Amino acid sequence: MDRCMGDAVSYTQREPEKALLSALAAGYVLRLLPLAGIVKMFIRLSLALLKPAAFIYGGAKLWQKAQNGAPSPAVQEGS
């Protein structure tokens, strides 16, 4: 991070006009992007997928406990 900052500072000192133009262009492009909408969509999608994921995880854990708690066929044959 320090190297990137140093490179940016040295570029700005060497060519201030190009640096200013680049900063303005980057700001304009970022302003056009619907960042708030993208973040809201990501949060909605995450929350929508959370319930099924938790349900599947709980079912897998119950299945795992049922398999660990049941005696294996080899134990039943020896009895």
Protein backbone atom coordinates (compact mmCIF):
# COMPACT_ATOMS: atom_id res chain seq x y z
CA MET A 1 0.00 0.00 0.00
CA ASP A 2 2.84 2.35 0.85
CA ARG A 3 4.50 1.66 -2.52
CA CYS A 4 1.24 2.42 -4.36
CA MET A 5 0.83 5.67 -2.45
CA GLY A 6 4.44 6.61 -3.20
CA ASP A 7 3.93 5.87 -6.89
CA ALA A 8 0.77 7.98 -6.96
CA VAL A 9 2.49 10.89 -5.23
CA SER A 10 5.49 10.78 -7.55
CA TYR A 11 3.20 10.58 -10.62
CA THR A 12 1.20 13.54 -9.32
CA GLN A 13 4.36 15.55 -8.79
CA ARG A 14 5.71 14.71 -12.27
CA GLU A 15 2.48 15.23 -14.22
CA PRO A 16 -0.15 17.12 -12.21
CA GLU A 17 -2.45 17.78 -15.19
CA LYS A 18 -2.73 14.12 -16.14
CA ALA A 19 -3.21 13.13 -12.49
CA LEU A 20 -6.02 15.64 -12.08
CA LEU A 21 -7.68 14.52 -15.31
CA SER A 22 -7.39 10.86 -14.23
CA ALA A 23 -8.91 11.65 -10.83
CA LEU A 24 -11.80 13.52 -12.44
CA ALA A 25 -12.44 10.68 -14.89
CA ALA A 26 -12.34 8.08 -12.11
CA GLY A 27 -14.75 10.16 -10.00
CA TYR A 28 -17.13 10.54 -12.94
CA VAL A 29 -17.12 6.80 -13.64
CA LEU A 30 -17.67 5.98 -9.96
CA ARG A 31 -20.53 8.47 -9.84
CA LEU A 32 -22.22 6.74 -12.78
CA LEU A 33 -22.05 3.31 -11.17
CA PRO A 34 -25.08 2.41 -9.06
CA LEU A 35 -22.96 1.37 -6.06
CA ALA A 36 -25.79 1.76 -3.55
CA GLY A 37 -28.05 -0.42 -5.69
CA ILE A 38 -25.36 -3.06 -6.06
CA VAL A 39 -24.78 -3.16 -2.29
CA LYS A 40 -28.53 -3.33 -1.58
CA MET A 41 -28.95 -6.16 -4.11
CA PHE A 42 -26.05 -8.07 -2.55
CA ILE A 43 -27.53 -7.72 0.95
CA ARG A 44 -31.00 -8.79 -0.25
CA LEU A 45 -29.56 -11.79 -2.04
CA SER A 46 -27.50 -12.78 0.99
CA LEU A 47 -30.49 -12.55 3.30
CA ALA A 48 -32.68 -14.49 0.86
CA LEU A 49 -30.13 -17.30 0.67
CA LEU A 50 -29.48 -17.37 4.41
CA LYS A 51 -32.68 -19.26 5.34
CA PRO A 52 -32.22 -22.13 2.87
CA ALA A 53 -28.53 -22.37 3.71
CA ALA A 54 -29.27 -22.56 7.44
CA PHE A 55 -31.98 -25.16 6.81
CA ILE A 56 -29.65 -27.33 4.72
CA TYR A 57 -26.84 -26.96 7.27
CA GLY A 58 -29.17 -27.95 10.12
CA GLY A 59 -30.45 -30.93 8.16
CA ALA A 60 -26.91 -32.06 7.42
CA LYS A 61 -25.96 -31.79 11.09
CA LEU A 62 -29.04 -33.78 12.12
CA TRP A 63 -28.21 -36.44 9.52
CA GLN A 64 -24.63 -36.56 10.79
CA LYS A 65 -25.78 -36.97 14.40
CA ALA A 66 -28.25 -39.67 13.37
CA GLN A 67 -25.50 -41.55 11.55
CA ASN A 68 -23.08 -41.26 14.49
CA GLY A 69 -25.71 -42.28 17.04
CA ALA A 70 -26.95 -45.35 15.17
CA PRO A 71 -24.99 -48.55 15.75
CA SER A 72 -23.04 -49.72 12.73
CA PRO A 73 -24.03 -53.01 10.98
CA ALA A 74 -20.79 -54.67 12.13
CA VAL A 75 -21.71 -54.10 15.78
CA GLN A 76 -25.20 -55.55 15.26
CA GLU A 77 -23.84 -58.74 13.65
CA GLY A 78 -21.49 -59.39 16.57
CA SER A 79 -24.30 -59.21 19.17
